[in-house]
Amino acid sequence: MKHVPILLFHFIFLSLKITNMKQLTFLPAVALAAVFLCSSCGADKDETTDSTVTTDTTATSTPAAPESTVVTAPETVITAWHKVANFAKWKASYDAHDSMRLAGGIRNYVIGRSVEDTNLVLVAIKADDVAKAKAFIKDPSLKAAMQKGGVIGQPSITINTMAYQDMSTGMADLRSMTMFTVKDWDAWKTTFESDRQFRTDNGLTDRAYGYNADDNHKVTLVVGINDSAKAGTYWRSDLIKEKRAKAGVVGEVKRYVYQVVQKY
């Protein structure tokens, strides 16, 4: 403290007027106490001003784990491969019949076009259940709609119970759909899943797989193609034949390579 407050001087001045010697003897002690109190007040003020405490209130939390994009709950999916005279004409007709599909418990899913023949079209649609799927494909209005859209020949339609679907938005739009028969669904599934990393190393990502709703020996497999060269080499190799045999695949294997043109 550089200066004694004015109030202190007034206090000392008034005290000098005291005539009682006992009071005069007490004066130095009073003055000293006043100075000490004022000094203490000043010191407290300075200390409060200089001692600034900073508290970090930033909340810390553990980042949430990313949600899985894999769906393993069984879902009914109808797949149809058919050739069309003109894709644009067919697509317009297909879109016009959306209300018919919705009324039957059917929802749009994916449309694709074969890489080898762009007029060979894949339609994948989801159904509320197997019963609605069967009723839909038997409905005479479906055949009429196909004819109106320019479908050529007999379409190949299957109703599948999909047991695995990876709904990742980053999945490649170039894909393949393979259909084959297995000795035992559970045995095939166990062996197939154990080789997932091997397929990844060969340019493929599992997209979906399941079995025919009426016969679980008939399997449908969809994979995303991340590297066409690696995938082609793998499909032509003897190794894939060995893996198929190990998994219990029998008979003919049919594969369509296609480009997704619309996802719903």
C-alpha atoms as a PDB file:
ATOM      1  CA  MET A   1       0.000   0.000   0.000  1.00  0.00           C
ATOM      2  CA  LYS A   2       1.598   3.290  -1.097  1.00  0.00           C
ATOM      3  CA  HIS A   3      -0.750   5.793   0.719  1.00  0.00           C
ATOM      4  CA  VAL A   4      -2.681   5.692   3.988  1.00  0.00           C
ATOM      5  CA  PRO A   5      -6.372   6.236   3.245  1.00  0.00           C
ATOM      6  CA  ILE A   6      -7.818   9.677   4.057  1.00  0.00           C
ATOM      7  CA  LEU A   7     -10.231   8.122   6.541  1.00  0.00           C
ATOM      8  CA  LEU A   8      -7.263   6.993   8.639  1.00  0.00           C
ATOM      9  CA  PHE A   9      -5.868  10.570   8.867  1.00  0.00           C
ATOM     10  CA  HIS A  10      -9.276  11.798  10.059  1.00  0.00           C
ATOM     11  CA  PHE A  11      -9.271   9.092  12.667  1.00  0.00           C
ATOM     12  CA  ILE A  12      -5.780  10.084  13.979  1.00  0.00           C
ATOM     13  CA  PHE A  13      -6.666  13.799  13.906  1.00  0.00           C
ATOM     14  CA  LEU A  14      -9.752  13.269  16.028  1.00  0.00           C
ATOM     15  CA  SER A  15      -7.841  11.075  18.411  1.00  0.00           C
ATOM     16  CA  LEU A  16      -5.289  13.864  19.143  1.00  0.00           C
ATOM     17  CA  LYS A  17      -8.076  15.900  20.693  1.00  0.00           C
ATOM     18  CA  ILE A  18      -8.550  13.295  23.393  1.00  0.00           C
ATOM     19  CA  THR A  19      -7.276  14.737  26.733  1.00  0.00           C
ATOM     20  CA  ASN A  20      -7.456  11.575  28.711  1.00  0.00           C
ATOM     21  CA  MET A  21      -3.895  10.208  29.024  1.00  0.00           C
ATOM     22  CA  LYS A  22      -5.158   6.642  29.087  1.00  0.00           C
ATOM     23  CA  GLN A  23      -6.861   7.227  25.782  1.00  0.00           C
ATOM     24  CA  LEU A  24      -3.686   8.823  24.354  1.00  0.00           C
ATOM     25  CA  THR A  25      -1.740   5.772  25.430  1.00  0.00           C
ATOM     26  CA  PHE A  26      -4.215   3.600  23.561  1.00  0.00           C
ATOM     27  CA  LEU A  27      -4.019   5.746  20.403  1.00  0.00           C
ATOM     28  CA  PRO A  28      -0.867   4.228  18.849  1.00  0.00           C
ATOM     29  CA  ALA A  29      -2.328   0.788  19.185  1.00  0.00           C
ATOM     30  CA  VAL A  30      -5.605   1.887  17.547  1.00  0.00           C
ATOM     31  CA  ALA A  31      -3.785   3.659  14.732  1.00  0.00           C
ATOM     32  CA  LEU A  32      -1.535   0.698  14.155  1.00  0.00           C
ATOM     33  CA  ALA A  33      -4.543  -1.647  14.036  1.00  0.00           C
ATOM     34  CA  ALA A  34      -6.290   0.639  11.539  1.00  0.00           C
ATOM     35  CA  VAL A  35      -3.231   0.716   9.318  1.00  0.00           C
ATOM     36  CA  PHE A  36      -2.969  -3.063   9.540  1.00  0.00           C
ATOM     37  CA  LEU A  37      -6.633  -3.513   8.667  1.00  0.00           C
ATOM     38  CA  CYS A  38      -6.402  -1.156   5.707  1.00  0.00           C
ATOM     39  CA  SER A  39      -3.228  -2.864   4.526  1.00  0.00           C
ATOM     40  CA  SER A  40      -4.894  -6.238   4.856  1.00  0.00           C
ATOM     41  CA  CYS A  41      -7.897  -5.029   2.879  1.00  0.00           C
ATOM     42  CA  GLY A  42      -5.643  -3.783   0.139  1.00  0.00           C
ATOM     43  CA  ALA A  43      -3.639  -6.981   0.138  1.00  0.00           C
ATOM     44  CA  ASP A  44      -6.806  -9.094  -0.079  1.00  0.00           C
ATOM     45  CA  LYS A  45      -8.023  -7.008  -2.977  1.00  0.00           C
ATOM     46  CA  ASP A  46      -4.718  -7.294  -4.824  1.00  0.00           C
ATOM     47  CA  GLU A  47      -4.499 -11.019  -4.179  1.00  0.00           C
ATOM     48  CA  THR A  48      -8.004 -11.593  -5.454  1.00  0.00           C
ATOM     49  CA  THR A  49      -7.255  -9.597  -8.565  1.00  0.00           C
ATOM     50  CA  ASP A  50      -3.951 -11.333  -9.301  1.00  0.00           C
ATOM     51  CA  SER A  51      -4.950 -14.899  -8.456  1.00  0.00           C
ATOM     52  CA  THR A  52      -7.145 -15.892 -11.352  1.00  0.00           C
ATOM     53  CA  VAL A  53      -8.238 -19.525 -11.344  1.00  0.00           C
ATOM     54  CA  THR A  54      -9.135 -21.063 -14.683  1.00  0.00           C
ATOM     55  CA  THR A  55     -11.320 -24.139 -14.661  1.00  0.00           C
ATOM     56  CA  ASP A  56     -11.440 -26.355 -17.710  1.00  0.00           C
ATOM     57  CA  THR A  57     -15.106 -27.186 -18.245  1.00  0.00           C
ATOM     58  CA  THR A  58     -14.597 -28.987 -21.515  1.00  0.00           C
ATOM     59  CA  ALA A  59     -16.533 -32.233 -21.369  1.00  0.00           C
ATOM     60  CA  THR A  60     -14.722 -35.379 -22.382  1.00  0.00           C
ATOM     61  CA  SER A  61     -16.553 -38.382 -23.735  1.00  0.00           C
ATOM     62  CA  THR A  62     -15.736 -41.630 -25.438  1.00  0.00           C
ATOM     63  CA  PRO A  63     -16.603 -41.557 -29.179  1.00  0.00           C
ATOM     64  CA  ALA A  64     -19.576 -43.764 -29.979  1.00  0.00           C
ATOM     65  CA  ALA A  65     -18.828 -46.889 -31.981  1.00  0.00           C
ATOM     66  CA  PRO A  66     -20.062 -46.680 -35.606  1.00  0.00           C
ATOM     67  CA  GLU A  67     -23.390 -48.381 -36.187  1.00  0.00           C
ATOM     68  CA  SER A  68     -23.253 -51.660 -38.070  1.00  0.00           C
ATOM     69  CA  THR A  69     -24.605 -51.594 -41.631  1.00  0.00           C
ATOM     70  CA  VAL A  70     -25.171 -55.351 -41.668  1.00  0.00           C
ATOM     71  CA  VAL A  71     -28.723 -56.709 -41.442  1.00  0.00           C
ATOM     72  CA  THR A  72     -29.069 -60.359 -40.467  1.00  0.00           C
ATOM     73  CA  ALA A  73     -32.795 -60.417 -39.731  1.00  0.00           C
ATOM     74  CA  PRO A  74     -34.418 -62.557 -42.475  1.00  0.00           C
ATOM     75  CA  GLU A  75     -36.076 -60.461 -45.185  1.00  0.00           C
ATOM     76  CA  THR A  76     -38.103 -61.487 -48.218  1.00  0.00           C
ATOM     77  CA  VAL A  77     -36.660 -60.245 -51.508  1.00  0.00           C
ATOM     78  CA  ILE A  78     -37.967 -60.975 -55.013  1.00  0.00           C
ATOM     79  CA  THR A  79     -35.371 -60.955 -57.799  1.00  0.00           C
ATOM     80  CA  ALA A  80     -36.377 -60.907 -61.454  1.00  0.00           C
ATOM     81  CA  TRP A  81     -34.103 -61.051 -64.491  1.00  0.00           C
ATOM     82  CA  HIS A  82     -35.729 -60.241 -67.811  1.00  0.00           C
ATOM     83  CA  LYS A  83     -34.790 -58.845 -71.193  1.00  0.00           C
ATOM     84  CA  VAL A  84     -36.478 -55.678 -72.476  1.00  0.00           C
ATOM     85  CA  ALA A  85     -36.785 -54.211 -75.967  1.00  0.00           C
ATOM     86  CA  ASN A  86     -35.979 -50.689 -74.773  1.00  0.00           C
ATOM     87  CA  PHE A  87     -34.754 -49.873 -71.264  1.00  0.00           C
ATOM     88  CA  ALA A  88     -36.069 -46.294 -71.125  1.00  0.00           C
ATOM     89  CA  LYS A  89     -39.558 -47.399 -72.227  1.00  0.00           C
ATOM     90  CA  TRP A  90     -39.541 -50.269 -69.765  1.00  0.00           C
ATOM     91  CA  LYS A  91     -38.375 -48.028 -66.896  1.00  0.00           C
ATOM     92  CA  ALA A  92     -41.185 -45.538 -67.524  1.00  0.00           C
ATOM     93  CA  SER A  93     -43.721 -48.366 -67.467  1.00  0.00           C
ATOM     94  CA  TYR A  94     -42.179 -49.820 -64.306  1.00  0.00           C
ATOM     95  CA  ASP A  95     -42.379 -46.494 -62.464  1.00  0.00           C
ATOM     96  CA  ALA A  96     -46.014 -46.076 -63.531  1.00  0.00           C
ATOM     97  CA  HIS A  97     -46.980 -49.281 -61.724  1.00  0.00           C
ATOM     98  CA  ASP A  98     -45.462 -48.370 -58.365  1.00  0.00           C
ATOM     99  CA  SER A  99     -48.899 -48.036 -56.739  1.00  0.00           C
ATOM    100  CA  MET A 100     -49.730 -51.597 -57.778  1.00  0.00           C
ATOM    101  CA  ARG A 101     -46.636 -52.890 -56.002  1.00  0.00           C
ATOM    102  CA  LEU A 102     -47.279 -50.875 -52.844  1.00  0.00           C
ATOM    103  CA  ALA A 103     -50.864 -52.144 -52.688  1.00  0.00           C
ATOM    104  CA  GLY A 104     -49.522 -55.699 -52.681  1.00  0.00           C
ATOM    105  CA  GLY A 105     -47.045 -55.095 -49.866  1.00  0.00           C
ATOM    106  CA  ILE A 106     -44.090 -54.780 -52.257  1.00  0.00           C
ATOM    107  CA  ARG A 107     -41.377 -52.093 -52.039  1.00  0.00           C
ATOM    108  CA  ASN A 108     -38.776 -51.017 -54.577  1.00  0.00           C
ATOM    109  CA  TYR A 109     -35.192 -51.950 -53.772  1.00  0.00           C
ATOM    110  CA  VAL A 110     -32.664 -52.066 -56.648  1.00  0.00           C
ATOM    111  CA  ILE A 111     -32.609 -51.913 -60.442  1.00  0.00           C
ATOM    112  CA  GLY A 112     -29.553 -53.066 -62.364  1.00  0.00           C
ATOM    113  CA  ARG A 113     -28.434 -53.691 -65.951  1.00  0.00           C
ATOM    114  CA  SER A 114     -26.225 -56.524 -67.121  1.00  0.00           C
ATOM    115  CA  VAL A 115     -22.720 -55.487 -68.150  1.00  0.00           C
ATOM    116  CA  GLU A 116     -22.759 -57.892 -71.115  1.00  0.00           C
ATOM    117  CA  ASP A 117     -26.251 -56.933 -72.305  1.00  0.00           C
ATOM    118  CA  THR A 118     -27.680 -53.647 -70.996  1.00  0.00           C
ATOM    119  CA  ASN A 119     -31.175 -54.687 -72.049  1.00  0.00           C
ATOM    120  CA  LEU A 120     -31.003 -57.583 -69.600  1.00  0.00           C
ATOM    121  CA  VAL A 121     -32.481 -56.022 -66.468  1.00  0.00           C
ATOM    122  CA  LEU A 122     -32.435 -56.996 -62.805  1.00  0.00           C
ATOM    123  CA  VAL A 123     -35.304 -55.939 -60.579  1.00  0.00           C
ATOM    124  CA  ALA A 124     -34.940 -56.594 -56.854  1.00  0.00           C
ATOM    125  CA  ILE A 125     -37.950 -55.733 -54.697  1.00  0.00           C
ATOM    126  CA  LYS A 126     -38.771 -56.355 -51.040  1.00  0.00           C
ATOM    127  CA  ALA A 127     -41.966 -57.959 -49.760  1.00  0.00           C
ATOM    128  CA  ASP A 128     -43.634 -57.759 -46.357  1.00  0.00           C
ATOM    129  CA  ASP A 129     -43.664 -61.558 -46.236  1.00  0.00           C
ATOM    130  CA  VAL A 130     -43.405 -64.653 -48.422  1.00  0.00           C
ATOM    131  CA  ALA A 131     -47.183 -64.967 -48.840  1.00  0.00           C
ATOM    132  CA  LYS A 132     -47.446 -61.451 -50.312  1.00  0.00           C
ATOM    133  CA  ALA A 133     -44.468 -62.112 -52.539  1.00  0.00           C
ATOM    134  CA  LYS A 134     -46.074 -65.244 -53.969  1.00  0.00           C
ATOM    135  CA  ALA A 135     -49.388 -63.488 -54.478  1.00  0.00           C
ATOM    136  CA  PHE A 136     -47.644 -60.651 -56.297  1.00  0.00           C
ATOM    137  CA  ILE A 137     -45.773 -62.769 -58.830  1.00  0.00           C
ATOM    138  CA  LYS A 138     -48.950 -64.744 -59.582  1.00  0.00           C
ATOM    139  CA  ASP A 139     -51.057 -61.625 -60.094  1.00  0.00           C
ATOM    140  CA  PRO A 140     -52.189 -61.404 -63.760  1.00  0.00           C
ATOM    141  CA  SER A 141     -51.651 -57.637 -63.668  1.00  0.00           C
ATOM    142  CA  LEU A 142     -47.887 -58.201 -63.269  1.00  0.00           C
ATOM    143  CA  LYS A 143     -47.694 -60.124 -66.534  1.00  0.00           C
ATOM    144  CA  ALA A 144     -49.743 -57.430 -68.253  1.00  0.00           C
ATOM    145  CA  ALA A 145     -47.435 -54.710 -66.893  1.00  0.00           C
ATOM    146  CA  MET A 146     -44.363 -56.576 -68.137  1.00  0.00           C
ATOM    147  CA  GLN A 147     -45.821 -56.951 -71.604  1.00  0.00           C
ATOM    148  CA  LYS A 148     -46.695 -53.264 -71.659  1.00  0.00           C
ATOM    149  CA  GLY A 149     -43.142 -52.376 -70.664  1.00  0.00           C
ATOM    150  CA  GLY A 150     -41.660 -54.400 -73.507  1.00  0.00           C
ATOM    151  CA  VAL A 151     -40.375 -57.452 -71.634  1.00  0.00           C
ATOM    152  CA  ILE A 152     -39.136 -60.095 -74.068  1.00  0.00           C
ATOM    153  CA  GLY A 153     -39.458 -63.803 -73.342  1.00  0.00           C
ATOM    154  CA  GLN A 154     -39.974 -65.503 -70.003  1.00  0.00           C
ATOM    155  CA  PRO A 155     -38.506 -63.690 -66.966  1.00  0.00           C
ATOM    156  CA  SER A 156     -36.542 -65.564 -64.305  1.00  0.00           C
ATOM    157  CA  ILE A 157     -38.174 -64.776 -60.958  1.00  0.00           C
ATOM    158  CA  THR A 158     -37.208 -66.098 -57.529  1.00  0.00           C
ATOM    159  CA  ILE A 159     -38.398 -65.374 -54.000  1.00  0.00           C
ATOM    160  CA  ASN A 160     -35.512 -65.394 -51.546  1.00  0.00           C
ATOM    161  CA  THR A 161     -35.141 -65.224 -47.799  1.00  0.00           C
ATOM    162  CA  MET A 162     -32.085 -63.007 -47.419  1.00  0.00           C
ATOM    163  CA  ALA A 163     -30.080 -63.906 -44.312  1.00  0.00           C
ATOM    164  CA  TYR A 164     -27.338 -61.282 -44.723  1.00  0.00           C
ATOM    165  CA  GLN A 165     -27.401 -57.781 -46.201  1.00  0.00           C
ATOM    166  CA  ASP A 166     -24.697 -55.144 -45.968  1.00  0.00           C
ATOM    167  CA  MET A 167     -26.524 -51.829 -46.426  1.00  0.00           C
ATOM    168  CA  SER A 168     -23.362 -49.712 -46.512  1.00  0.00           C
ATOM    169  CA  THR A 169     -23.738 -46.675 -48.767  1.00  0.00           C
ATOM    170  CA  GLY A 170     -20.136 -47.100 -49.883  1.00  0.00           C
ATOM    171  CA  MET A 171     -20.779 -50.463 -51.546  1.00  0.00           C
ATOM    172  CA  ALA A 172     -19.590 -50.647 -55.175  1.00  0.00           C
ATOM    173  CA  ASP A 173     -22.372 -50.283 -57.767  1.00  0.00           C
ATOM    174  CA  LEU A 174     -20.660 -52.841 -59.982  1.00  0.00           C
ATOM    175  CA  ARG A 175     -21.872 -56.186 -58.622  1.00  0.00           C
ATOM    176  CA  SER A 176     -22.432 -59.804 -59.396  1.00  0.00           C
ATOM    177  CA  MET A 177     -25.331 -62.081 -58.548  1.00  0.00           C
ATOM    178  CA  THR A 178     -24.527 -65.782 -58.407  1.00  0.00           C
ATOM    179  CA  MET A 179     -27.091 -68.573 -58.077  1.00  0.00           C
ATOM    180  CA  PHE A 180     -26.176 -72.153 -57.187  1.00  0.00           C
ATOM    181  CA  THR A 181     -27.230 -75.218 -55.196  1.00  0.00           C
ATOM    182  CA  VAL A 182     -25.662 -76.442 -51.955  1.00  0.00           C
ATOM    183  CA  LYS A 183     -25.859 -79.726 -50.081  1.00  0.00           C
ATOM    184  CA  ASP A 184     -26.618 -78.008 -46.772  1.00  0.00           C
ATOM    185  CA  TRP A 185     -27.399 -74.320 -46.174  1.00  0.00           C
ATOM    186  CA  ASP A 186     -25.924 -74.061 -42.670  1.00  0.00           C
ATOM    187  CA  ALA A 187     -22.707 -75.856 -43.642  1.00  0.00           C
ATOM    188  CA  TRP A 188     -22.298 -73.657 -46.711  1.00  0.00           C
ATOM    189  CA  LYS A 189     -22.967 -70.472 -44.711  1.00  0.00           C
ATOM    190  CA  THR A 190     -20.352 -71.362 -42.064  1.00  0.00           C
ATOM    191  CA  THR A 191     -17.660 -72.136 -44.644  1.00  0.00           C
ATOM    192  CA  PHE A 192     -18.534 -69.136 -46.795  1.00  0.00           C
ATOM    193  CA  GLU A 193     -18.365 -66.661 -43.921  1.00  0.00           C
ATOM    194  CA  SER A 194     -14.973 -67.963 -42.824  1.00  0.00           C
ATOM    195  CA  ASP A 195     -13.559 -66.914 -46.228  1.00  0.00           C
ATOM    196  CA  ARG A 196     -14.803 -63.313 -46.158  1.00  0.00           C
ATOM    197  CA  GLN A 197     -11.355 -61.778 -45.825  1.00  0.00           C
ATOM    198  CA  PHE A 198     -10.140 -63.916 -48.719  1.00  0.00           C
ATOM    199  CA  ARG A 199     -12.848 -62.449 -50.962  1.00  0.00           C
ATOM    200  CA  THR A 200     -11.955 -58.959 -49.810  1.00  0.00           C
ATOM    201  CA  ASP A 201      -8.344 -59.608 -50.799  1.00  0.00           C
ATOM    202  CA  ASN A 202      -9.589 -60.611 -54.239  1.00  0.00           C
ATOM    203  CA  GLY A 203     -11.561 -57.422 -54.897  1.00  0.00           C
ATOM    204  CA  LEU A 204     -14.995 -58.508 -53.650  1.00  0.00           C
ATOM    205  CA  THR A 205     -17.259 -57.352 -50.817  1.00  0.00           C
ATOM    206  CA  ASP A 206     -20.201 -59.416 -49.588  1.00  0.00           C
ATOM    207  CA  ARG A 207     -23.420 -57.523 -50.248  1.00  0.00           C
ATOM    208  CA  ALA A 208     -26.185 -60.057 -49.606  1.00  0.00           C
ATOM    209  CA  TYR A 209     -26.942 -63.745 -49.568  1.00  0.00           C
ATOM    210  CA  GLY A 210     -29.887 -65.975 -48.818  1.00  0.00           C
ATOM    211  CA  TYR A 211     -31.841 -68.970 -49.982  1.00  0.00           C
ATOM    212  CA  ASN A 212     -34.950 -69.731 -52.001  1.00  0.00           C
ATOM    213  CA  ALA A 213     -38.045 -69.305 -49.828  1.00  0.00           C
ATOM    214  CA  ASP A 214     -39.202 -72.817 -50.756  1.00  0.00           C
ATOM    215  CA  ASP A 215     -35.838 -74.584 -50.843  1.00  0.00           C
ATOM    216  CA  ASN A 216     -32.862 -73.520 -48.718  1.00  0.00           C
ATOM    217  CA  HIS A 217     -30.516 -75.592 -50.895  1.00  0.00           C
ATOM    218  CA  LYS A 218     -30.819 -72.970 -53.634  1.00  0.00           C
ATOM    219  CA  VAL A 219     -28.630 -69.990 -52.790  1.00  0.00           C
ATOM    220  CA  THR A 220     -28.440 -66.452 -54.184  1.00  0.00           C
ATOM    221  CA  LEU A 221     -25.260 -64.477 -53.513  1.00  0.00           C
ATOM    222  CA  VAL A 222     -24.583 -60.803 -54.319  1.00  0.00           C
ATOM    223  CA  VAL A 223     -21.131 -59.221 -54.022  1.00  0.00           C
ATOM    224  CA  GLY A 224     -19.789 -55.776 -54.769  1.00  0.00           C
ATOM    225  CA  ILE A 225     -16.876 -55.710 -57.229  1.00  0.00           C
ATOM    226  CA  ASN A 226     -14.149 -53.359 -56.023  1.00  0.00           C
ATOM    227  CA  ASP A 227     -11.429 -54.602 -58.374  1.00  0.00           C
ATOM    228  CA  SER A 228     -12.615 -56.157 -61.650  1.00  0.00           C
ATOM    229  CA  ALA A 229      -9.181 -57.563 -62.554  1.00  0.00           C
ATOM    230  CA  LYS A 230      -8.712 -59.338 -59.221  1.00  0.00           C
ATOM    231  CA  ALA A 231     -12.290 -60.605 -59.203  1.00  0.00           C
ATOM    232  CA  GLY A 232     -12.010 -61.951 -62.755  1.00  0.00           C
ATOM    233  CA  THR A 233      -8.792 -63.791 -61.958  1.00  0.00           C
ATOM    234  CA  TYR A 234     -10.343 -65.286 -58.830  1.00  0.00           C
ATOM    235  CA  TRP A 235     -13.489 -66.448 -60.644  1.00  0.00           C
ATOM    236  CA  ARG A 236     -11.379 -68.164 -63.322  1.00  0.00           C
ATOM    237  CA  SER A 237      -9.062 -69.869 -60.855  1.00  0.00           C
ATOM    238  CA  ASP A 238      -9.107 -73.452 -59.657  1.00  0.00           C
ATOM    239  CA  LEU A 239      -9.078 -72.117 -56.102  1.00  0.00           C
ATOM    240  CA  ILE A 240     -12.696 -70.973 -56.250  1.00  0.00           C
ATOM    241  CA  LYS A 241     -13.681 -74.439 -57.445  1.00  0.00           C
ATOM    242  CA  GLU A 242     -11.916 -75.924 -54.431  1.00  0.00           C
ATOM    243  CA  LYS A 243     -13.678 -73.514 -52.067  1.00  0.00           C
ATOM    244  CA  ARG A 244     -17.048 -74.256 -53.616  1.00  0.00           C
ATOM    245  CA  ALA A 245     -16.469 -77.978 -53.236  1.00  0.00           C
ATOM    246  CA  LYS A 246     -15.427 -77.510 -49.619  1.00  0.00           C
ATOM    247  CA  ALA A 247     -18.605 -75.496 -48.940  1.00  0.00           C
ATOM    248  CA  GLY A 248     -20.803 -78.161 -50.557  1.00  0.00           C
ATOM    249  CA  VAL A 249     -21.743 -76.366 -53.799  1.00  0.00           C
ATOM    250  CA  VAL A 250     -23.054 -78.792 -56.419  1.00  0.00           C
ATOM    251  CA  GLY A 251     -24.197 -78.529 -60.027  1.00  0.00           C
ATOM    252  CA  GLU A 252     -24.260 -75.469 -62.268  1.00  0.00           C
ATOM    253  CA  VAL A 253     -23.281 -71.992 -61.091  1.00  0.00           C
ATOM    254  CA  LYS A 254     -24.957 -69.056 -62.839  1.00  0.00           C
ATOM    255  CA  ARG A 255     -23.492 -65.562 -62.520  1.00  0.00           C
ATOM    256  CA  TYR A 256     -24.725 -62.156 -63.699  1.00  0.00           C
ATOM    257  CA  VAL A 257     -22.406 -59.153 -63.549  1.00  0.00           C
ATOM    258  CA  TYR A 258     -24.418 -55.936 -63.492  1.00  0.00           C
ATOM    259  CA  GLN A 259     -24.317 -52.229 -62.808  1.00  0.00           C
ATOM    260  CA  VAL A 260     -26.749 -50.745 -60.288  1.00  0.00           C
ATOM    261  CA  VAL A 261     -28.655 -47.931 -62.005  1.00  0.00           C
ATOM    262  CA  GLN A 262     -31.095 -47.078 -59.256  1.00  0.00           C
ATOM    263  CA  LYS A 263     -31.350 -47.699 -55.511  1.00  0.00           C
ATOM    264  CA  TYR A 264     -34.509 -46.923 -53.565  1.00  0.00           C
END
